[in-house]
């Protein structure tokens, strides 16, 4: 726990304003959890710029609610998201996702989100195009549930810091949740992402500038 507290203390000092900005950007773009699910599908196998453009195109043409997208001609959705690539497959996932919410939850997405963490997570993972990271982001960001979503940056940083000995999504998630306090999970998620983006890069990590270099067993400083 002492190591976890020191890691957080240093990262908060290093990224005190950047973390808040990153949170704000995500919540401004995806104001509702359903928007996040649609955005996740659009982000698959494309870059951020094109996935954002596809999302904005879709939002400009249709109201992003399950009952609207479920009843929209799929060719119209395809046309709106074409810039994001793989548009036929993604359009089908969006329509299927919307139909499930309409048919199984009477179009009320909030009904799907009722229950304890494991129940909601299980329901989210059954939706087309939704994986563990997206499910955990919904749980943490929108429902304030105690879970740490794991992305590629967090995975890399966690392994280099030896915070986990295994590389699977669930292994890393459980390892981090066991060493950090629940009240810090949101900070942990964003701060480790920022550490990976700014210093602990996949190639040529900037160990000489990293605020955690003296704590990191993998440092080449």
C-alpha atoms as a PDB file:
ATOM      1  CA  UNK A   1       0.000   0.000   0.000  1.00  0.00           C
ATOM      2  CA  UNK A   2       2.902   2.362   0.713  1.00  0.00           C
ATOM      3  CA  UNK A   3       4.187   1.903  -2.857  1.00  0.00           C
ATOM      4  CA  UNK A   4       0.703   2.521  -4.252  1.00  0.00           C
ATOM      5  CA  UNK A   5       0.341   5.705  -2.216  1.00  0.00           C
ATOM      6  CA  UNK A   6       3.743   6.988  -3.358  1.00  0.00           C
ATOM      7  CA  UNK A   7       2.943   6.241  -7.003  1.00  0.00           C
ATOM      8  CA  UNK A   8      -0.333   8.150  -6.736  1.00  0.00           C
ATOM      9  CA  UNK A   9       1.240  11.049  -4.868  1.00  0.00           C
ATOM     10  CA  UNK A  10       3.878  11.563  -7.550  1.00  0.00           C
ATOM     11  CA  UNK A  11       1.495  11.129 -10.475  1.00  0.00           C
ATOM     12  CA  UNK A  12      -1.027  13.533  -8.992  1.00  0.00           C
ATOM     13  CA  UNK A  13       1.709  16.095  -8.633  1.00  0.00           C
ATOM     14  CA  UNK A  14       2.925  15.490 -12.190  1.00  0.00           C
ATOM     15  CA  UNK A  15      -0.460  15.407 -13.900  1.00  0.00           C
ATOM     16  CA  UNK A  16      -2.698  17.427 -11.553  1.00  0.00           C
ATOM     17  CA  UNK A  17      -4.363  19.416 -14.363  1.00  0.00           C
ATOM     18  CA  UNK A  18      -4.034  16.925 -17.243  1.00  0.00           C
ATOM     19  CA  UNK A  19      -6.095  14.227 -15.524  1.00  0.00           C
ATOM     20  CA  UNK A  20      -9.035  16.585 -14.946  1.00  0.00           C
ATOM     21  CA  UNK A  21      -8.875  17.725 -18.569  1.00  0.00           C
ATOM     22  CA  UNK A  22      -8.864  14.135 -19.844  1.00  0.00           C
ATOM     23  CA  UNK A  23     -11.886  13.238 -17.706  1.00  0.00           C
ATOM     24  CA  UNK A  24     -13.714  16.355 -18.902  1.00  0.00           C
ATOM     25  CA  UNK A  25     -13.082  15.588 -22.579  1.00  0.00           C
ATOM     26  CA  UNK A  26     -14.473  12.078 -22.304  1.00  0.00           C
ATOM     27  CA  UNK A  27     -17.559  13.104 -20.337  1.00  0.00           C
ATOM     28  CA  UNK A  28     -18.245  16.009 -22.696  1.00  0.00           C
ATOM     29  CA  UNK A  29     -18.109  13.722 -25.727  1.00  0.00           C
ATOM     30  CA  UNK A  30     -20.082  10.850 -24.231  1.00  0.00           C
ATOM     31  CA  UNK A  31     -22.654  12.524 -21.979  1.00  0.00           C
ATOM     32  CA  UNK A  32     -24.568   9.268 -21.488  1.00  0.00           C
ATOM     33  CA  UNK A  33     -23.365   5.664 -21.101  1.00  0.00           C
ATOM     34  CA  UNK A  34     -25.240   4.627 -24.251  1.00  0.00           C
ATOM     35  CA  UNK A  35     -23.235   7.200 -26.208  1.00  0.00           C
ATOM     36  CA  UNK A  36     -20.062   5.597 -24.880  1.00  0.00           C
ATOM     37  CA  UNK A  37     -21.152   2.170 -26.135  1.00  0.00           C
ATOM     38  CA  UNK A  38     -21.838   3.566 -29.603  1.00  0.00           C
ATOM     39  CA  UNK A  39     -18.517   5.426 -29.551  1.00  0.00           C
ATOM     40  CA  UNK A  40     -16.689   2.251 -28.559  1.00  0.00           C
ATOM     41  CA  UNK A  41     -18.094   0.351 -31.519  1.00  0.00           C
ATOM     42  CA  UNK A  42     -17.086   3.196 -33.844  1.00  0.00           C
ATOM     43  CA  UNK A  43     -13.553   3.272 -32.415  1.00  0.00           C
ATOM     44  CA  UNK A  44     -12.795  -0.335 -33.280  1.00  0.00           C
ATOM     45  CA  UNK A  45      -9.980  -0.800 -35.831  1.00  0.00           C
ATOM     46  CA  UNK A  46      -9.627   2.884 -36.645  1.00  0.00           C
ATOM     47  CA  UNK A  47      -7.812   5.937 -35.316  1.00  0.00           C
ATOM     48  CA  UNK A  48      -9.268   8.421 -32.824  1.00  0.00           C
ATOM     49  CA  UNK A  49      -9.716  11.159 -35.416  1.00  0.00           C
ATOM     50  CA  UNK A  50     -11.890   9.060 -37.729  1.00  0.00           C
ATOM     51  CA  UNK A  51     -13.871   7.425 -34.926  1.00  0.00           C
ATOM     52  CA  UNK A  52     -14.721  10.850 -33.486  1.00  0.00           C
ATOM     53  CA  UNK A  53     -15.768  12.131 -36.902  1.00  0.00           C
ATOM     54  CA  UNK A  54     -17.971   9.073 -37.379  1.00  0.00           C
ATOM     55  CA  UNK A  55     -19.581   9.618 -33.973  1.00  0.00           C
ATOM     56  CA  UNK A  56     -20.200  13.304 -34.660  1.00  0.00           C
ATOM     57  CA  UNK A  57     -21.661  12.522 -38.097  1.00  0.00           C
ATOM     58  CA  UNK A  58     -24.015   9.981 -36.558  1.00  0.00           C
ATOM     59  CA  UNK A  59     -25.031  12.356 -33.755  1.00  0.00           C
ATOM     60  CA  UNK A  60     -25.723  15.137 -36.249  1.00  0.00           C
ATOM     61  CA  UNK A  61     -28.123  12.974 -38.259  1.00  0.00           C
ATOM     62  CA  UNK A  62     -29.907  10.986 -35.549  1.00  0.00           C
ATOM     63  CA  UNK A  63     -30.843  11.329 -31.925  1.00  0.00           C
ATOM     64  CA  UNK A  64     -28.577   8.818 -30.206  1.00  0.00           C
ATOM     65  CA  UNK A  65     -31.213   6.857 -28.354  1.00  0.00           C
ATOM     66  CA  UNK A  66     -31.766   3.079 -28.626  1.00  0.00           C
ATOM     67  CA  UNK A  67     -35.344   3.372 -29.935  1.00  0.00           C
ATOM     68  CA  UNK A  68     -34.236   5.764 -32.681  1.00  0.00           C
ATOM     69  CA  UNK A  69     -31.243   3.761 -33.903  1.00  0.00           C
ATOM     70  CA  UNK A  70     -33.102   0.451 -33.639  1.00  0.00           C
ATOM     71  CA  UNK A  71     -35.739   1.661 -36.105  1.00  0.00           C
ATOM     72  CA  UNK A  72     -33.382   3.493 -38.483  1.00  0.00           C
ATOM     73  CA  UNK A  73     -32.590   2.003 -41.879  1.00  0.00           C
ATOM     74  CA  UNK A  74     -29.171   0.434 -41.493  1.00  0.00           C
ATOM     75  CA  UNK A  75     -27.991   1.928 -44.798  1.00  0.00           C
ATOM     76  CA  UNK A  76     -28.482   5.424 -43.348  1.00  0.00           C
ATOM     77  CA  UNK A  77     -26.316   4.548 -40.361  1.00  0.00           C
ATOM     78  CA  UNK A  78     -23.698   3.082 -42.667  1.00  0.00           C
ATOM     79  CA  UNK A  79     -23.559   6.288 -44.656  1.00  0.00           C
ATOM     80  CA  UNK A  80     -23.212   8.414 -41.512  1.00  0.00           C
ATOM     81  CA  UNK A  81     -20.301   6.396 -40.077  1.00  0.00           C
ATOM     82  CA  UNK A  82     -18.495   5.512 -43.306  1.00  0.00           C
ATOM     83  CA  UNK A  83     -15.490   7.705 -42.405  1.00  0.00           C
ATOM     84  CA  UNK A  84     -14.700   5.344 -39.526  1.00  0.00           C
ATOM     85  CA  UNK A  85     -14.101   2.290 -41.694  1.00  0.00           C
ATOM     86  CA  UNK A  86     -15.692  -1.175 -41.442  1.00  0.00           C
ATOM     87  CA  UNK A  87     -18.951   0.750 -41.504  1.00  0.00           C
ATOM     88  CA  UNK A  88     -21.229  -2.138 -42.489  1.00  0.00           C
ATOM     89  CA  UNK A  89     -20.097  -4.293 -39.575  1.00  0.00           C
ATOM     90  CA  UNK A  90     -20.217  -1.373 -37.123  1.00  0.00           C
ATOM     91  CA  UNK A  91     -23.661  -0.267 -38.289  1.00  0.00           C
ATOM     92  CA  UNK A  92     -24.977  -3.778 -37.730  1.00  0.00           C
ATOM     93  CA  UNK A  93     -23.541  -3.856 -34.196  1.00  0.00           C
ATOM     94  CA  UNK A  94     -25.089  -0.477 -33.373  1.00  0.00           C
ATOM     95  CA  UNK A  95     -28.519  -1.576 -34.630  1.00  0.00           C
ATOM     96  CA  UNK A  96     -28.273  -4.938 -32.836  1.00  0.00           C
ATOM     97  CA  UNK A  97     -27.201  -3.209 -29.624  1.00  0.00           C
ATOM     98  CA  UNK A  98     -30.111  -0.785 -29.869  1.00  0.00           C
ATOM     99  CA  UNK A  99     -32.633  -3.532 -30.585  1.00  0.00           C
ATOM    100  CA  UNK A 100     -31.526  -5.520 -27.536  1.00  0.00           C
ATOM    101  CA  UNK A 101     -32.104  -2.492 -25.326  1.00  0.00           C
ATOM    102  CA  UNK A 102     -35.502  -1.833 -26.929  1.00  0.00           C
ATOM    103  CA  UNK A 103     -36.680  -5.448 -26.834  1.00  0.00           C
ATOM    104  CA  UNK A 104     -35.248  -6.563 -23.501  1.00  0.00           C
ATOM    105  CA  UNK A 105     -35.331  -3.323 -21.512  1.00  0.00           C
ATOM    106  CA  UNK A 106     -38.233  -1.444 -23.162  1.00  0.00           C
ATOM    107  CA  UNK A 107     -35.781   1.065 -24.600  1.00  0.00           C
ATOM    108  CA  UNK A 108     -34.747   2.155 -21.100  1.00  0.00           C
ATOM    109  CA  UNK A 109     -30.981   1.774 -20.988  1.00  0.00           C
ATOM    110  CA  UNK A 110     -30.984   2.748 -17.327  1.00  0.00           C
ATOM    111  CA  UNK A 111     -32.794  -0.521 -16.553  1.00  0.00           C
ATOM    112  CA  UNK A 112     -29.800  -2.457 -17.823  1.00  0.00           C
ATOM    113  CA  UNK A 113     -27.615  -0.545 -15.373  1.00  0.00           C
ATOM    114  CA  UNK A 114     -29.578  -1.480 -12.258  1.00  0.00           C
ATOM    115  CA  UNK A 115     -28.131  -3.978  -9.792  1.00  0.00           C
ATOM    116  CA  UNK A 116     -24.782  -4.738  -8.245  1.00  0.00           C
ATOM    117  CA  UNK A 117     -21.465  -4.414 -10.035  1.00  0.00           C
ATOM    118  CA  UNK A 118     -21.207  -8.027 -11.216  1.00  0.00           C
ATOM    119  CA  UNK A 119     -24.800  -8.152 -12.481  1.00  0.00           C
ATOM    120  CA  UNK A 120     -24.448  -4.968 -14.520  1.00  0.00           C
ATOM    121  CA  UNK A 121     -21.025  -5.975 -15.829  1.00  0.00           C
ATOM    122  CA  UNK A 122     -22.389  -9.317 -17.003  1.00  0.00           C
ATOM    123  CA  UNK A 123     -25.245  -7.631 -18.863  1.00  0.00           C
ATOM    124  CA  UNK A 124     -22.926  -5.139 -20.532  1.00  0.00           C
ATOM    125  CA  UNK A 125     -20.558  -7.883 -21.694  1.00  0.00           C
ATOM    126  CA  UNK A 126     -23.429  -9.664 -23.454  1.00  0.00           C
ATOM    127  CA  UNK A 127     -24.032  -6.651 -25.706  1.00  0.00           C
ATOM    128  CA  UNK A 128     -22.597  -6.779 -29.262  1.00  0.00           C
ATOM    129  CA  UNK A 129     -19.261  -5.017 -29.681  1.00  0.00           C
ATOM    130  CA  UNK A 130     -18.772  -4.390 -25.946  1.00  0.00           C
ATOM    131  CA  UNK A 131     -15.713  -5.780 -24.158  1.00  0.00           C
ATOM    132  CA  UNK A 132     -14.415  -5.663 -20.571  1.00  0.00           C
ATOM    133  CA  UNK A 133     -12.775  -2.229 -20.843  1.00  0.00           C
ATOM    134  CA  UNK A 134     -15.942  -0.509 -22.066  1.00  0.00           C
ATOM    135  CA  UNK A 135     -18.078  -2.303 -19.484  1.00  0.00           C
ATOM    136  CA  UNK A 136     -15.713  -1.205 -16.725  1.00  0.00           C
ATOM    137  CA  UNK A 137     -15.626   2.383 -17.991  1.00  0.00           C
ATOM    138  CA  UNK A 138     -19.428   2.525 -17.779  1.00  0.00           C
ATOM    139  CA  UNK A 139     -19.285   1.080 -14.268  1.00  0.00           C
ATOM    140  CA  UNK A 140     -16.596   3.470 -13.041  1.00  0.00           C
ATOM    141  CA  UNK A 141     -17.416   6.703 -14.881  1.00  0.00           C
ATOM    142  CA  UNK A 142     -21.197   6.701 -14.855  1.00  0.00           C
ATOM    143  CA  UNK A 143     -22.170   4.418 -11.962  1.00  0.00           C
ATOM    144  CA  UNK A 144     -19.239   5.161  -9.640  1.00  0.00           C
ATOM    145  CA  UNK A 145     -18.630   1.440  -9.099  1.00  0.00           C
ATOM    146  CA  UNK A 146     -15.251   0.289  -7.684  1.00  0.00           C
ATOM    147  CA  UNK A 147     -13.497  -1.071 -10.768  1.00  0.00           C
ATOM    148  CA  UNK A 148     -10.383  -0.063 -12.730  1.00  0.00           C
ATOM    149  CA  UNK A 149     -10.718  -0.246 -16.547  1.00  0.00           C
ATOM    150  CA  UNK A 150      -7.515  -1.466 -18.208  1.00  0.00           C
ATOM    151  CA  UNK A 151      -6.245  -0.071 -21.514  1.00  0.00           C
ATOM    152  CA  UNK A 152      -2.973  -0.679 -23.381  1.00  0.00           C
ATOM    153  CA  UNK A 153      -1.143   2.084 -21.506  1.00  0.00           C
ATOM    154  CA  UNK A 154      -2.194   0.775 -18.095  1.00  0.00           C
ATOM    155  CA  UNK A 155      -1.266  -2.757 -19.075  1.00  0.00           C
ATOM    156  CA  UNK A 156       2.236  -1.685 -20.160  1.00  0.00           C
ATOM    157  CA  UNK A 157       2.854   0.548 -17.145  1.00  0.00           C
ATOM    158  CA  UNK A 158       1.594  -2.066 -14.669  1.00  0.00           C
ATOM    159  CA  UNK A 159       3.895  -4.739 -16.060  1.00  0.00           C
ATOM    160  CA  UNK A 160       6.951  -2.464 -16.110  1.00  0.00           C
ATOM    161  CA  UNK A 161       6.314  -1.348 -12.535  1.00  0.00           C
ATOM    162  CA  UNK A 162       5.836  -5.018 -11.577  1.00  0.00           C
ATOM    163  CA  UNK A 163       2.429  -4.252 -10.098  1.00  0.00           C
ATOM    164  CA  UNK A 164       1.272  -7.504 -11.650  1.00  0.00           C
ATOM    165  CA  UNK A 165       3.029 -10.691 -12.689  1.00  0.00           C
ATOM    166  CA  UNK A 166       0.416 -11.641 -15.293  1.00  0.00           C
ATOM    167  CA  UNK A 167      -0.691  -9.971 -18.496  1.00  0.00           C
ATOM    168  CA  UNK A 168      -4.381 -10.793 -18.891  1.00  0.00           C
ATOM    169  CA  UNK A 169      -7.046  -8.095 -18.578  1.00  0.00           C
ATOM    170  CA  UNK A 170      -8.689  -9.582 -15.488  1.00  0.00           C
ATOM    171  CA  UNK A 171      -5.333 -10.369 -13.867  1.00  0.00           C
ATOM    172  CA  UNK A 172      -4.169  -6.760 -14.178  1.00  0.00           C
ATOM    173  CA  UNK A 173      -7.509  -5.351 -13.078  1.00  0.00           C
ATOM    174  CA  UNK A 174      -7.619  -7.483  -9.940  1.00  0.00           C
ATOM    175  CA  UNK A 175      -3.967  -6.785  -9.122  1.00  0.00           C
ATOM    176  CA  UNK A 176      -4.414  -3.013  -9.297  1.00  0.00           C
ATOM    177  CA  UNK A 177      -7.668  -3.133  -7.359  1.00  0.00           C
ATOM    178  CA  UNK A 178      -5.924  -5.064  -4.602  1.00  0.00           C
ATOM    179  CA  UNK A 179      -3.173  -2.474  -4.037  1.00  0.00           C
ATOM    180  CA  UNK A 180      -5.025   0.818  -4.523  1.00  0.00           C
ATOM    181  CA  UNK A 181      -7.903   2.171  -2.441  1.00  0.00           C
ATOM    182  CA  UNK A 182     -11.365   2.058  -4.009  1.00  0.00           C
ATOM    183  CA  UNK A 183     -11.713   5.809  -3.577  1.00  0.00           C
ATOM    184  CA  UNK A 184      -8.653   6.270  -5.824  1.00  0.00           C
ATOM    185  CA  UNK A 185      -9.713   4.014  -8.724  1.00  0.00           C
ATOM    186  CA  UNK A 186     -10.741   6.851 -11.034  1.00  0.00           C
ATOM    187  CA  UNK A 187      -7.443   8.662 -10.445  1.00  0.00           C
ATOM    188  CA  UNK A 188      -5.491   5.438 -10.915  1.00  0.00           C
ATOM    189  CA  UNK A 189      -7.136   4.845 -14.287  1.00  0.00           C
ATOM    190  CA  UNK A 190      -6.403   8.282 -15.717  1.00  0.00           C
ATOM    191  CA  UNK A 191      -3.003   8.829 -14.111  1.00  0.00           C
ATOM    192  CA  UNK A 192      -1.577   5.535 -15.358  1.00  0.00           C
ATOM    193  CA  UNK A 193      -2.873   6.322 -18.848  1.00  0.00           C
ATOM    194  CA  UNK A 194      -1.140   9.711 -18.748  1.00  0.00           C
ATOM    195  CA  UNK A 195       2.057   8.117 -17.475  1.00  0.00           C
ATOM    196  CA  UNK A 196       1.989   5.697 -20.412  1.00  0.00           C
ATOM    197  CA  UNK A 197       1.305   8.432 -22.938  1.00  0.00           C
ATOM    198  CA  UNK A 198       3.888  10.918 -21.685  1.00  0.00           C
ATOM    199  CA  UNK A 199       6.778   8.833 -20.363  1.00  0.00           C
ATOM    200  CA  UNK A 200       6.298   5.059 -20.280  1.00  0.00           C
ATOM    201  CA  UNK A 201       5.892   4.760 -24.050  1.00  0.00           C
ATOM    202  CA  UNK A 202       5.775   1.406 -25.830  1.00  0.00           C
ATOM    203  CA  UNK A 203       8.968   2.259 -27.704  1.00  0.00           C
ATOM    204  CA  UNK A 204      11.777   4.348 -26.324  1.00  0.00           C
ATOM    205  CA  UNK A 205      10.318   5.065 -22.870  1.00  0.00           C
ATOM    206  CA  UNK A 206      11.540   8.314 -21.337  1.00  0.00           C
ATOM    207  CA  UNK A 207      12.864   6.761 -18.158  1.00  0.00           C
ATOM    208  CA  UNK A 208      15.270   9.636 -17.481  1.00  0.00           C
ATOM    209  CA  UNK A 209      12.296  12.040 -17.212  1.00  0.00           C
ATOM    210  CA  UNK A 210       9.745   9.702 -15.631  1.00  0.00           C
ATOM    211  CA  UNK A 211       8.577  10.696 -12.131  1.00  0.00           C
ATOM    212  CA  UNK A 212       8.580   7.025 -11.122  1.00  0.00           C
ATOM    213  CA  UNK A 213      11.968   6.034 -12.532  1.00  0.00           C
ATOM    214  CA  UNK A 214      13.539   5.291  -9.127  1.00  0.00           C
ATOM    215  CA  UNK A 215      10.538   3.107  -8.187  1.00  0.00           C
ATOM    216  CA  UNK A 216      10.459   1.178 -11.464  1.00  0.00           C
ATOM    217  CA  UNK A 217      12.300  -2.161 -11.705  1.00  0.00           C
ATOM    218  CA  UNK A 218      12.279  -1.834 -15.500  1.00  0.00           C
ATOM    219  CA  UNK A 219      13.825   1.641 -15.644  1.00  0.00           C
ATOM    220  CA  UNK A 220      16.837   2.045 -17.940  1.00  0.00           C
ATOM    221  CA  UNK A 221      17.828   5.276 -16.271  1.00  0.00           C
END
